[in-house]
Amino acid sequence: MVIRLRYADFKTITRQVTLTEASTAQVIQLLNKALSQEQRPVRLIGVRASNLTGKERQLGMFDPDPELVSGEKRKHLDMAIDQIRRKYGSAAIKTGKTYIASLFGEILNSK
């Protein structure tokens, strides 16, 4: 997994870790460590996975670890999503599933 952070002044740092199994928790730890090194505004966060092998499975959007997605954190996430939607409209932030469904809808309606 590779994490790339680009700061407001366009300075970019990259951090990577090799995982034996896909883990949202390890990626979050890597991201937190990178963010804590320089506490300043970030304009881009990139996450890349490569050399994927083994049994395929879909990871959840949120790690099942209850400590990472506690009720309080989930509440803050939902509030942030609501703020974005109020400010920029309901289409401003979507899940991948919703986005794909809207693309298929546009394709079907254009015919």
C-alpha atoms as a PDB file:
ATOM      1  CA  MET A   1       0.000   0.000   0.000  1.00  0.00           C
ATOM      2  CA  VAL A   2       1.236   3.461  -0.835  1.00  0.00           C
ATOM      3  CA  ILE A   3       0.016   6.696   0.758  1.00  0.00           C
ATOM      4  CA  ARG A   4       0.748  10.024  -0.928  1.00  0.00           C
ATOM      5  CA  LEU A   5       0.150  13.351   0.807  1.00  0.00           C
ATOM      6  CA  ARG A   6       0.331  16.685  -0.976  1.00  0.00           C
ATOM      7  CA  TYR A   7       0.328  19.743   1.232  1.00  0.00           C
ATOM      8  CA  ALA A   8      -1.090  23.193   0.481  1.00  0.00           C
ATOM      9  CA  ASP A   9       2.346  24.362  -0.725  1.00  0.00           C
ATOM     10  CA  PHE A  10       2.473  21.326  -3.108  1.00  0.00           C
ATOM     11  CA  LYS A  11       5.208  19.561  -1.125  1.00  0.00           C
ATOM     12  CA  THR A  12       4.496  15.855  -1.574  1.00  0.00           C
ATOM     13  CA  ILE A  13       5.490  12.928   0.617  1.00  0.00           C
ATOM     14  CA  THR A  14       5.002   9.226  -0.051  1.00  0.00           C
ATOM     15  CA  ARG A  15       4.912   6.395   2.468  1.00  0.00           C
ATOM     16  CA  GLN A  16       4.507   2.703   1.736  1.00  0.00           C
ATOM     17  CA  VAL A  17       4.087  -0.587   3.518  1.00  0.00           C
ATOM     18  CA  THR A  18       3.895  -4.172   2.291  1.00  0.00           C
ATOM     19  CA  LEU A  19       0.940  -6.055   3.719  1.00  0.00           C
ATOM     20  CA  THR A  20       0.426  -9.803   3.826  1.00  0.00           C
ATOM     21  CA  GLU A  21      -3.346  -9.250   3.893  1.00  0.00           C
ATOM     22  CA  ALA A  22      -5.512  -6.268   3.019  1.00  0.00           C
ATOM     23  CA  SER A  23      -6.140  -4.209   6.138  1.00  0.00           C
ATOM     24  CA  THR A  24      -7.878  -0.881   6.404  1.00  0.00           C
ATOM     25  CA  ALA A  25      -6.513  -0.504   9.937  1.00  0.00           C
ATOM     26  CA  GLN A  26      -2.877  -0.705   8.775  1.00  0.00           C
ATOM     27  CA  VAL A  27      -3.490   1.840   6.033  1.00  0.00           C
ATOM     28  CA  ILE A  28      -5.113   4.198   8.548  1.00  0.00           C
ATOM     29  CA  GLN A  29      -2.135   3.772  10.892  1.00  0.00           C
ATOM     30  CA  LEU A  30       0.259   4.611   8.040  1.00  0.00           C
ATOM     31  CA  LEU A  31      -1.820   7.653   7.108  1.00  0.00           C
ATOM     32  CA  ASN A  32      -2.030   8.873  10.721  1.00  0.00           C
ATOM     33  CA  LYS A  33       1.732   8.514  11.136  1.00  0.00           C
ATOM     34  CA  ALA A  34       2.388  10.479   7.945  1.00  0.00           C
ATOM     35  CA  LEU A  35      -0.121  13.198   8.890  1.00  0.00           C
ATOM     36  CA  SER A  36       1.332  13.580  12.386  1.00  0.00           C
ATOM     37  CA  GLN A  37       4.828  14.306  11.041  1.00  0.00           C
ATOM     38  CA  GLU A  38       3.767  17.665   9.610  1.00  0.00           C
ATOM     39  CA  GLN A  39       0.621  19.187  10.986  1.00  0.00           C
ATOM     40  CA  ARG A  40      -0.497  21.522   8.230  1.00  0.00           C
ATOM     41  CA  PRO A  41      -3.231  21.701   5.585  1.00  0.00           C
ATOM     42  CA  VAL A  42      -3.343  18.817   3.113  1.00  0.00           C
ATOM     43  CA  ARG A  43      -4.716  19.293  -0.401  1.00  0.00           C
ATOM     44  CA  LEU A  44      -4.514  15.681  -1.609  1.00  0.00           C
ATOM     45  CA  ILE A  45      -4.472  12.236  -0.035  1.00  0.00           C
ATOM     46  CA  GLY A  46      -3.750   9.354  -2.373  1.00  0.00           C
ATOM     47  CA  VAL A  47      -3.907   5.653  -1.582  1.00  0.00           C
ATOM     48  CA  ARG A  48      -2.621   3.021  -4.001  1.00  0.00           C
ATOM     49  CA  ALA A  49      -2.646  -0.752  -3.801  1.00  0.00           C
ATOM     50  CA  SER A  50      -0.446  -2.900  -6.020  1.00  0.00           C
ATOM     51  CA  ASN A  51       0.805  -6.478  -6.370  1.00  0.00           C
ATOM     52  CA  LEU A  52      -2.543  -7.810  -5.241  1.00  0.00           C
ATOM     53  CA  THR A  53      -2.753 -11.597  -5.172  1.00  0.00           C
ATOM     54  CA  GLY A  54      -4.637 -14.284  -3.359  1.00  0.00           C
ATOM     55  CA  LYS A  55      -8.256 -14.823  -2.593  1.00  0.00           C
ATOM     56  CA  GLU A  56     -10.359 -11.968  -3.907  1.00  0.00           C
ATOM     57  CA  ARG A  57     -12.850 -10.310  -1.634  1.00  0.00           C
ATOM     58  CA  GLN A  58     -14.484  -6.928  -1.369  1.00  0.00           C
ATOM     59  CA  LEU A  59     -13.320  -4.900   1.599  1.00  0.00           C
ATOM     60  CA  GLY A  60     -15.849  -2.864   3.505  1.00  0.00           C
ATOM     61  CA  MET A  61     -15.679   0.906   3.315  1.00  0.00           C
ATOM     62  CA  PHE A  62     -15.118   0.965   7.061  1.00  0.00           C
ATOM     63  CA  ASP A  63     -12.916  -1.400   8.997  1.00  0.00           C
ATOM     64  CA  PRO A  64     -14.940  -3.788  11.148  1.00  0.00           C
ATOM     65  CA  ASP A  65     -12.712  -2.883  14.102  1.00  0.00           C
ATOM     66  CA  PRO A  66     -15.212  -1.170  16.445  1.00  0.00           C
ATOM     67  CA  GLU A  67     -12.508   1.106  17.831  1.00  0.00           C
ATOM     68  CA  LEU A  68     -11.882   2.601  14.371  1.00  0.00           C
ATOM     69  CA  VAL A  69     -15.551   3.147  13.590  1.00  0.00           C
ATOM     70  CA  SER A  70     -16.977   3.862  16.997  1.00  0.00           C
ATOM     71  CA  GLY A  71     -20.403   5.393  17.311  1.00  0.00           C
ATOM     72  CA  GLU A  72     -18.872   8.821  17.892  1.00  0.00           C
ATOM     73  CA  LYS A  73     -16.588   8.625  14.850  1.00  0.00           C
ATOM     74  CA  ARG A  74     -19.441   7.374  12.673  1.00  0.00           C
ATOM     75  CA  LYS A  75     -21.594  10.257  13.930  1.00  0.00           C
ATOM     76  CA  HIS A  76     -18.866  12.775  12.971  1.00  0.00           C
ATOM     77  CA  LEU A  77     -18.490  11.149   9.555  1.00  0.00           C
ATOM     78  CA  ASP A  78     -22.229  11.332   8.914  1.00  0.00           C
ATOM     79  CA  MET A  79     -22.294  14.984  10.022  1.00  0.00           C
ATOM     80  CA  ALA A  80     -19.391  15.836   7.667  1.00  0.00           C
ATOM     81  CA  ILE A  81     -21.138  14.115   4.751  1.00  0.00           C
ATOM     82  CA  ASP A  82     -24.356  16.009   5.530  1.00  0.00           C
ATOM     83  CA  GLN A  83     -22.469  19.335   5.590  1.00  0.00           C
ATOM     84  CA  ILE A  84     -20.868  18.618   2.215  1.00  0.00           C
ATOM     85  CA  ARG A  85     -24.236  17.690   0.701  1.00  0.00           C
ATOM     86  CA  ARG A  86     -25.923  20.823   2.107  1.00  0.00           C
ATOM     87  CA  LYS A  87     -23.191  23.063   0.742  1.00  0.00           C
ATOM     88  CA  TYR A  88     -22.557  21.401  -2.639  1.00  0.00           C
ATOM     89  CA  GLY A  89     -25.708  19.371  -3.308  1.00  0.00           C
ATOM     90  CA  SER A  90     -26.675  15.749  -2.863  1.00  0.00           C
ATOM     91  CA  ALA A  91     -24.473  14.595  -5.760  1.00  0.00           C
ATOM     92  CA  ALA A  92     -21.297  16.073  -4.229  1.00  0.00           C
ATOM     93  CA  ILE A  93     -20.350  12.941  -2.300  1.00  0.00           C
ATOM     94  CA  LYS A  94     -21.449   9.414  -3.125  1.00  0.00           C
ATOM     95  CA  THR A  95     -20.499   5.842  -2.480  1.00  0.00           C
ATOM     96  CA  GLY A  96     -19.001   3.968  -5.403  1.00  0.00           C
ATOM     97  CA  LYS A  97     -22.177   1.890  -5.674  1.00  0.00           C
ATOM     98  CA  THR A  98     -24.368   5.004  -5.909  1.00  0.00           C
ATOM     99  CA  TYR A  99     -22.009   6.627  -8.412  1.00  0.00           C
ATOM    100  CA  ILE A 100     -22.009   3.590 -10.726  1.00  0.00           C
ATOM    101  CA  ALA A 101     -25.808   3.379 -10.506  1.00  0.00           C
ATOM    102  CA  SER A 102     -26.108   7.060 -11.499  1.00  0.00           C
ATOM    103  CA  LEU A 103     -23.775   6.503 -14.471  1.00  0.00           C
ATOM    104  CA  PHE A 104     -25.887   3.610 -15.714  1.00  0.00           C
ATOM    105  CA  GLY A 105     -28.982   5.776 -15.271  1.00  0.00           C
ATOM    106  CA  GLU A 106     -27.428   8.548 -17.397  1.00  0.00           C
ATOM    107  CA  ILE A 107     -26.446   6.052 -20.106  1.00  0.00           C
ATOM    108  CA  LEU A 108     -29.933   4.534 -20.209  1.00  0.00           C
ATOM    109  CA  ASN A 109     -31.625   7.943 -20.254  1.00  0.00           C
ATOM    110  CA  SER A 110     -29.411   9.225 -23.086  1.00  0.00           C
ATOM    111  CA  LYS A 111     -30.626   6.529 -25.507  1.00  0.00           C
END
